[in-house]
Amino acid sequence: MPSGFGRGAFFCDAGAREPYIGGHLLLVSHERNPMPRPLLYALGSFFWTGFAPIAPATVASFAFTVLWYLGWIAFGPFPLVWQLVGLVAVTAIGIPVADRLEEIHGEDPSLVVIDEIAGMQVTFLALNAGPMGWLAGFFWFRFFDILKPLGVRRLEKLGGGGGLGIMADDIGAGVLAAMATQVTVRLLGWQVMP
């Protein structure tokens, strides 16, 4: 196990020179981003789902779908205005977080899955459906995020790449997934309200 794992993996103390989790370096020298390193990783990896050993983007997308379902059970359908506020907040936070994690780990690191969360939020925007519709949205989003058709792949280079590109291509995939999900829900009669 690399040195510095444990307490030093999440807090910058004098003895932590090479802290790792899941093979990823967590702490390096002090940098321009004032965000505490534990928060940076918690947000960028959607509370560590991005560290899943297999298909972290799919794991994070599914975790978001489950949380959406639990929120719907607890609070009922989310008003569109709150969905939009959430999307703007995740995108505004995600761009600098993804940018910084890319600087540390290289181009579009797999542990960064906050972009999948923004894409899933777009997929579920104004979706009048219950669990079956959300599962359809999950599958459509993964389909479009993996294939990146119809110009979605070009969005990765938006603004020269970095955090903006990381977020943009998943939002683009979310737009396509939202359209496909709306059609699926209507064709299969999965609407919650007529």
C-alpha atoms as a PDB file:
ATOM      1  CA  MET A   1       0.000   0.000   0.000  1.00  0.00           C
ATOM      2  CA  PRO A   2       1.450   3.423  -0.888  1.00  0.00           C
ATOM      3  CA  SER A   3       2.760   5.520   1.937  1.00  0.00           C
ATOM      4  CA  GLY A   4       0.440   8.184   3.240  1.00  0.00           C
ATOM      5  CA  PHE A   5      -2.729   6.139   2.836  1.00  0.00           C
ATOM      6  CA  GLY A   6      -5.229   6.591   5.667  1.00  0.00           C
ATOM      7  CA  ARG A   7      -5.521   9.873   7.507  1.00  0.00           C
ATOM      8  CA  GLY A   8      -2.937  11.458   5.217  1.00  0.00           C
ATOM      9  CA  ALA A   9      -4.977  10.466   2.180  1.00  0.00           C
ATOM     10  CA  PHE A  10      -7.605  13.001   3.085  1.00  0.00           C
ATOM     11  CA  PHE A  11      -5.790  15.616   5.155  1.00  0.00           C
ATOM     12  CA  CYS A  12      -2.572  17.374   4.290  1.00  0.00           C
ATOM     13  CA  ASP A  13      -0.315  16.711   7.265  1.00  0.00           C
ATOM     14  CA  ALA A  14       3.435  16.847   7.507  1.00  0.00           C
ATOM     15  CA  GLY A  15       3.842  13.088   7.101  1.00  0.00           C
ATOM     16  CA  ALA A  16       1.680  12.760   3.987  1.00  0.00           C
ATOM     17  CA  ARG A  17       3.944  12.967   0.946  1.00  0.00           C
ATOM     18  CA  GLU A  18       2.343  10.410  -1.412  1.00  0.00           C
ATOM     19  CA  PRO A  19      -1.237   9.723  -0.307  1.00  0.00           C
ATOM     20  CA  TYR A  20      -3.264   7.505  -2.636  1.00  0.00           C
ATOM     21  CA  ILE A  21      -6.703   5.947  -2.809  1.00  0.00           C
ATOM     22  CA  GLY A  22      -7.550   3.401  -5.459  1.00  0.00           C
ATOM     23  CA  GLY A  23      -4.185   4.070  -7.108  1.00  0.00           C
ATOM     24  CA  HIS A  24      -4.911   7.789  -7.554  1.00  0.00           C
ATOM     25  CA  LEU A  25      -2.670  10.453  -6.072  1.00  0.00           C
ATOM     26  CA  LEU A  26      -4.777  12.579  -3.750  1.00  0.00           C
ATOM     27  CA  LEU A  27      -2.442  15.235  -2.467  1.00  0.00           C
ATOM     28  CA  VAL A  28       0.284  17.153  -4.230  1.00  0.00           C
ATOM     29  CA  SER A  29       1.938  20.428  -3.407  1.00  0.00           C
ATOM     30  CA  HIS A  30      -0.200  23.448  -2.616  1.00  0.00           C
ATOM     31  CA  GLU A  31      -1.757  24.825  -5.787  1.00  0.00           C
ATOM     32  CA  ARG A  32      -3.781  27.774  -7.002  1.00  0.00           C
ATOM     33  CA  ASN A  33      -7.146  26.104  -6.393  1.00  0.00           C
ATOM     34  CA  PRO A  34      -8.174  27.020  -2.839  1.00  0.00           C
ATOM     35  CA  MET A  35     -10.701  24.167  -2.597  1.00  0.00           C
ATOM     36  CA  PRO A  36      -9.681  21.653   0.076  1.00  0.00           C
ATOM     37  CA  ARG A  37      -8.446  18.482  -1.583  1.00  0.00           C
ATOM     38  CA  PRO A  38     -11.009  16.176   0.096  1.00  0.00           C
ATOM     39  CA  LEU A  39     -13.853  18.370  -1.191  1.00  0.00           C
ATOM     40  CA  LEU A  40     -12.301  18.524  -4.665  1.00  0.00           C
ATOM     41  CA  TYR A  41     -12.272  14.727  -4.883  1.00  0.00           C
ATOM     42  CA  ALA A  42     -15.681  14.281  -3.244  1.00  0.00           C
ATOM     43  CA  LEU A  43     -17.324  16.596  -5.785  1.00  0.00           C
ATOM     44  CA  GLY A  44     -15.337  15.541  -8.847  1.00  0.00           C
ATOM     45  CA  SER A  45     -15.880  11.847  -8.198  1.00  0.00           C
ATOM     46  CA  PHE A  46     -19.512  12.309  -7.084  1.00  0.00           C
ATOM     47  CA  PHE A  47     -18.760  11.199  -3.557  1.00  0.00           C
ATOM     48  CA  TRP A  48     -16.184   8.615  -4.575  1.00  0.00           C
ATOM     49  CA  THR A  49     -18.314   6.727  -7.112  1.00  0.00           C
ATOM     50  CA  GLY A  50     -15.684   7.803  -9.642  1.00  0.00           C
ATOM     51  CA  PHE A  51     -13.222   5.510  -7.883  1.00  0.00           C
ATOM     52  CA  ALA A  52     -15.256   2.414  -8.813  1.00  0.00           C
ATOM     53  CA  PRO A  53     -12.818  -0.109 -10.329  1.00  0.00           C
ATOM     54  CA  ILE A  54     -15.125  -0.880 -13.269  1.00  0.00           C
ATOM     55  CA  ALA A  55     -17.190   1.606 -15.317  1.00  0.00           C
ATOM     56  CA  PRO A  56     -17.060   4.547 -12.873  1.00  0.00           C
ATOM     57  CA  ALA A  57     -19.170   6.752 -15.173  1.00  0.00           C
ATOM     58  CA  THR A  58     -21.914   4.124 -15.262  1.00  0.00           C
ATOM     59  CA  VAL A  59     -21.700   3.617 -11.496  1.00  0.00           C
ATOM     60  CA  ALA A  60     -22.024   7.374 -10.896  1.00  0.00           C
ATOM     61  CA  SER A  61     -24.916   7.698 -13.367  1.00  0.00           C
ATOM     62  CA  PHE A  62     -26.768   4.835 -11.716  1.00  0.00           C
ATOM     63  CA  ALA A  63     -26.085   6.248  -8.233  1.00  0.00           C
ATOM     64  CA  PHE A  64     -27.601   9.550  -9.375  1.00  0.00           C
ATOM     65  CA  THR A  65     -30.653   7.711 -10.758  1.00  0.00           C
ATOM     66  CA  VAL A  66     -31.148   5.969  -7.405  1.00  0.00           C
ATOM     67  CA  LEU A  67     -30.791   9.276  -5.525  1.00  0.00           C
ATOM     68  CA  TRP A  68     -33.286  10.892  -7.913  1.00  0.00           C
ATOM     69  CA  TYR A  69     -35.728   8.069  -7.164  1.00  0.00           C
ATOM     70  CA  LEU A  70     -35.252   8.411  -3.392  1.00  0.00           C
ATOM     71  CA  GLY A  71     -35.726  12.177  -3.624  1.00  0.00           C
ATOM     72  CA  TRP A  72     -38.899  11.690  -5.660  1.00  0.00           C
ATOM     73  CA  ILE A  73     -40.257   9.300  -3.028  1.00  0.00           C
ATOM     74  CA  ALA A  74     -39.367  11.685  -0.200  1.00  0.00           C
ATOM     75  CA  PHE A  75     -40.404  14.990  -1.785  1.00  0.00           C
ATOM     76  CA  GLY A  76     -42.485  14.222  -4.868  1.00  0.00           C
ATOM     77  CA  PRO A  77     -41.735  15.500  -8.383  1.00  0.00           C
ATOM     78  CA  PHE A  78     -39.005  18.128  -8.501  1.00  0.00           C
ATOM     79  CA  PRO A  79     -40.195  21.514  -9.824  1.00  0.00           C
ATOM     80  CA  LEU A  80     -38.528  22.434 -13.113  1.00  0.00           C
ATOM     81  CA  VAL A  81     -37.039  25.608 -11.629  1.00  0.00           C
ATOM     82  CA  TRP A  82     -35.214  23.563  -8.970  1.00  0.00           C
ATOM     83  CA  GLN A  83     -34.007  21.125 -11.598  1.00  0.00           C
ATOM     84  CA  LEU A  84     -32.546  24.041 -13.556  1.00  0.00           C
ATOM     85  CA  VAL A  85     -30.963  25.570 -10.440  1.00  0.00           C
ATOM     86  CA  GLY A  86     -29.373  22.196  -9.652  1.00  0.00           C
ATOM     87  CA  LEU A  87     -28.077  21.815 -13.196  1.00  0.00           C
ATOM     88  CA  VAL A  88     -26.553  25.304 -13.225  1.00  0.00           C
ATOM     89  CA  ALA A  89     -24.954  24.702  -9.812  1.00  0.00           C
ATOM     90  CA  VAL A  90     -23.459  21.331 -10.773  1.00  0.00           C
ATOM     91  CA  THR A  91     -22.146  22.755 -14.047  1.00  0.00           C
ATOM     92  CA  ALA A  92     -20.688  25.861 -12.387  1.00  0.00           C
ATOM     93  CA  ILE A  93     -18.956  23.719  -9.761  1.00  0.00           C
ATOM     94  CA  GLY A  94     -18.030  20.956 -12.196  1.00  0.00           C
ATOM     95  CA  ILE A  95     -16.050  23.061 -14.670  1.00  0.00           C
ATOM     96  CA  PRO A  96     -13.302  24.218 -12.253  1.00  0.00           C
ATOM     97  CA  VAL A  97     -13.324  20.919 -10.342  1.00  0.00           C
ATOM     98  CA  ALA A  98     -12.912  18.848 -13.528  1.00  0.00           C
ATOM     99  CA  ASP A  99     -10.303  21.303 -14.791  1.00  0.00           C
ATOM    100  CA  ARG A 100      -8.211  20.971 -11.637  1.00  0.00           C
ATOM    101  CA  LEU A 101      -8.495  17.180 -11.489  1.00  0.00           C
ATOM    102  CA  GLU A 102      -7.477  16.986 -15.141  1.00  0.00           C
ATOM    103  CA  GLU A 103      -4.365  19.017 -14.304  1.00  0.00           C
ATOM    104  CA  ILE A 104      -3.511  16.485 -11.601  1.00  0.00           C
ATOM    105  CA  HIS A 105      -4.465  13.219 -13.339  1.00  0.00           C
ATOM    106  CA  GLY A 106      -4.204  13.917 -17.063  1.00  0.00           C
ATOM    107  CA  GLU A 107      -6.767  14.293 -19.829  1.00  0.00           C
ATOM    108  CA  ASP A 108     -10.389  13.538 -18.836  1.00  0.00           C
ATOM    109  CA  PRO A 109      -9.553  11.209 -15.919  1.00  0.00           C
ATOM    110  CA  SER A 110     -12.025   8.393 -15.295  1.00  0.00           C
ATOM    111  CA  LEU A 111     -12.436   9.368 -11.639  1.00  0.00           C
ATOM    112  CA  VAL A 112     -14.077  12.650 -12.722  1.00  0.00           C
ATOM    113  CA  VAL A 113     -17.785  11.848 -12.981  1.00  0.00           C
ATOM    114  CA  ILE A 114     -19.379  15.163 -12.009  1.00  0.00           C
ATOM    115  CA  ASP A 115     -19.899  15.599 -15.762  1.00  0.00           C
ATOM    116  CA  GLU A 116     -22.078  12.475 -15.788  1.00  0.00           C
ATOM    117  CA  ILE A 117     -24.192  14.019 -13.039  1.00  0.00           C
ATOM    118  CA  ALA A 118     -24.803  17.130 -15.142  1.00  0.00           C
ATOM    119  CA  GLY A 119     -25.665  14.922 -18.119  1.00  0.00           C
ATOM    120  CA  MET A 120     -28.123  12.894 -16.061  1.00  0.00           C
ATOM    121  CA  GLN A 121     -29.709  16.103 -14.777  1.00  0.00           C
ATOM    122  CA  VAL A 122     -30.277  17.216 -18.374  1.00  0.00           C
ATOM    123  CA  THR A 123     -31.695  13.775 -19.208  1.00  0.00           C
ATOM    124  CA  PHE A 124     -34.256  14.040 -16.396  1.00  0.00           C
ATOM    125  CA  LEU A 125     -35.249  17.685 -17.049  1.00  0.00           C
ATOM    126  CA  ALA A 126     -39.032  17.990 -17.134  1.00  0.00           C
ATOM    127  CA  LEU A 127     -39.355  14.202 -17.416  1.00  0.00           C
ATOM    128  CA  ASN A 128     -42.914  13.229 -16.523  1.00  0.00           C
ATOM    129  CA  ALA A 129     -42.140   9.659 -15.541  1.00  0.00           C
ATOM    130  CA  GLY A 130     -41.532   7.323 -12.666  1.00  0.00           C
ATOM    131  CA  PRO A 131     -38.878   4.655 -12.124  1.00  0.00           C
ATOM    132  CA  MET A 132     -39.242   2.987 -15.539  1.00  0.00           C
ATOM    133  CA  GLY A 133     -38.774   6.310 -17.288  1.00  0.00           C
ATOM    134  CA  TRP A 134     -35.715   7.093 -15.175  1.00  0.00           C
ATOM    135  CA  LEU A 135     -34.194   3.715 -15.991  1.00  0.00           C
ATOM    136  CA  ALA A 136     -34.813   4.435 -19.665  1.00  0.00           C
ATOM    137  CA  GLY A 137     -33.108   7.806 -19.168  1.00  0.00           C
ATOM    138  CA  PHE A 138     -30.154   6.132 -17.485  1.00  0.00           C
ATOM    139  CA  PHE A 139     -29.719   3.683 -20.362  1.00  0.00           C
ATOM    140  CA  TRP A 140     -30.180   6.360 -23.047  1.00  0.00           C
ATOM    141  CA  PHE A 141     -27.676   8.643 -21.333  1.00  0.00           C
ATOM    142  CA  ARG A 142     -25.042   5.913 -21.100  1.00  0.00           C
ATOM    143  CA  PHE A 143     -25.689   5.041 -24.762  1.00  0.00           C
ATOM    144  CA  PHE A 144     -25.167   8.610 -25.977  1.00  0.00           C
ATOM    145  CA  ASP A 145     -22.323   9.334 -23.552  1.00  0.00           C
ATOM    146  CA  ILE A 146     -20.369   6.299 -24.728  1.00  0.00           C
ATOM    147  CA  LEU A 147     -21.002   6.729 -28.474  1.00  0.00           C
ATOM    148  CA  LYS A 148     -20.965  10.561 -28.478  1.00  0.00           C
ATOM    149  CA  PRO A 149     -22.766  10.873 -31.845  1.00  0.00           C
ATOM    150  CA  LEU A 150     -24.055  13.924 -33.728  1.00  0.00           C
ATOM    151  CA  GLY A 151     -21.256  16.277 -32.750  1.00  0.00           C
ATOM    152  CA  VAL A 152     -21.220  15.420 -29.043  1.00  0.00           C
ATOM    153  CA  ARG A 153     -17.585  14.275 -29.283  1.00  0.00           C
ATOM    154  CA  ARG A 154     -16.576  17.688 -30.672  1.00  0.00           C
ATOM    155  CA  LEU A 155     -17.894  19.316 -27.499  1.00  0.00           C
ATOM    156  CA  GLU A 156     -14.956  17.751 -25.612  1.00  0.00           C
ATOM    157  CA  LYS A 157     -12.706  20.355 -27.256  1.00  0.00           C
ATOM    158  CA  LEU A 158     -14.935  23.295 -26.338  1.00  0.00           C
ATOM    159  CA  GLY A 159     -12.854  26.083 -24.848  1.00  0.00           C
ATOM    160  CA  GLY A 160      -9.685  24.147 -25.626  1.00  0.00           C
ATOM    161  CA  GLY A 161     -10.737  21.145 -23.561  1.00  0.00           C
ATOM    162  CA  GLY A 162     -10.224  21.036 -19.818  1.00  0.00           C
ATOM    163  CA  GLY A 163     -13.128  21.320 -17.411  1.00  0.00           C
ATOM    164  CA  LEU A 164     -15.420  23.053 -19.903  1.00  0.00           C
ATOM    165  CA  GLY A 165     -14.948  20.316 -22.504  1.00  0.00           C
ATOM    166  CA  ILE A 166     -15.339  17.569 -19.907  1.00  0.00           C
ATOM    167  CA  MET A 167     -18.680  18.996 -18.806  1.00  0.00           C
ATOM    168  CA  ALA A 168     -19.915  20.032 -22.270  1.00  0.00           C
ATOM    169  CA  ASP A 169     -19.842  16.640 -23.977  1.00  0.00           C
ATOM    170  CA  ASP A 170     -21.863  15.020 -21.196  1.00  0.00           C
ATOM    171  CA  ILE A 171     -24.398  17.841 -21.250  1.00  0.00           C
ATOM    172  CA  GLY A 172     -24.640  17.303 -25.018  1.00  0.00           C
ATOM    173  CA  ALA A 173     -25.158  13.567 -24.477  1.00  0.00           C
ATOM    174  CA  GLY A 174     -27.793  14.484 -21.885  1.00  0.00           C
ATOM    175  CA  VAL A 175     -29.700  16.570 -24.445  1.00  0.00           C
ATOM    176  CA  LEU A 176     -29.860  13.616 -26.852  1.00  0.00           C
ATOM    177  CA  ALA A 177     -30.760  11.246 -24.012  1.00  0.00           C
ATOM    178  CA  ALA A 178     -33.512  13.602 -22.830  1.00  0.00           C
ATOM    179  CA  MET A 179     -35.115  13.604 -26.271  1.00  0.00           C
ATOM    180  CA  ALA A 180     -34.859   9.819 -26.610  1.00  0.00           C
ATOM    181  CA  THR A 181     -36.228   9.319 -23.098  1.00  0.00           C
ATOM    182  CA  GLN A 182     -39.188  11.633 -23.680  1.00  0.00           C
ATOM    183  CA  VAL A 183     -40.077   9.668 -26.822  1.00  0.00           C
ATOM    184  CA  THR A 184     -39.663   6.332 -25.009  1.00  0.00           C
ATOM    185  CA  VAL A 185     -41.824   7.411 -22.071  1.00  0.00           C
ATOM    186  CA  ARG A 186     -44.603   8.635 -24.360  1.00  0.00           C
ATOM    187  CA  LEU A 187     -44.531   5.605 -26.646  1.00  0.00           C
ATOM    188  CA  LEU A 188     -44.648   3.165 -23.735  1.00  0.00           C
ATOM    189  CA  GLY A 189     -47.156   5.148 -21.678  1.00  0.00           C
ATOM    190  CA  TRP A 190     -44.858   5.613 -18.694  1.00  0.00           C
ATOM    191  CA  GLN A 191     -46.038   9.149 -17.879  1.00  0.00           C
ATOM    192  CA  VAL A 192     -46.891   9.749 -14.226  1.00  0.00           C
ATOM    193  CA  MET A 193     -49.475  12.429 -15.061  1.00  0.00           C
ATOM    194  CA  PRO A 194     -51.486  12.569 -18.321  1.00  0.00           C
END
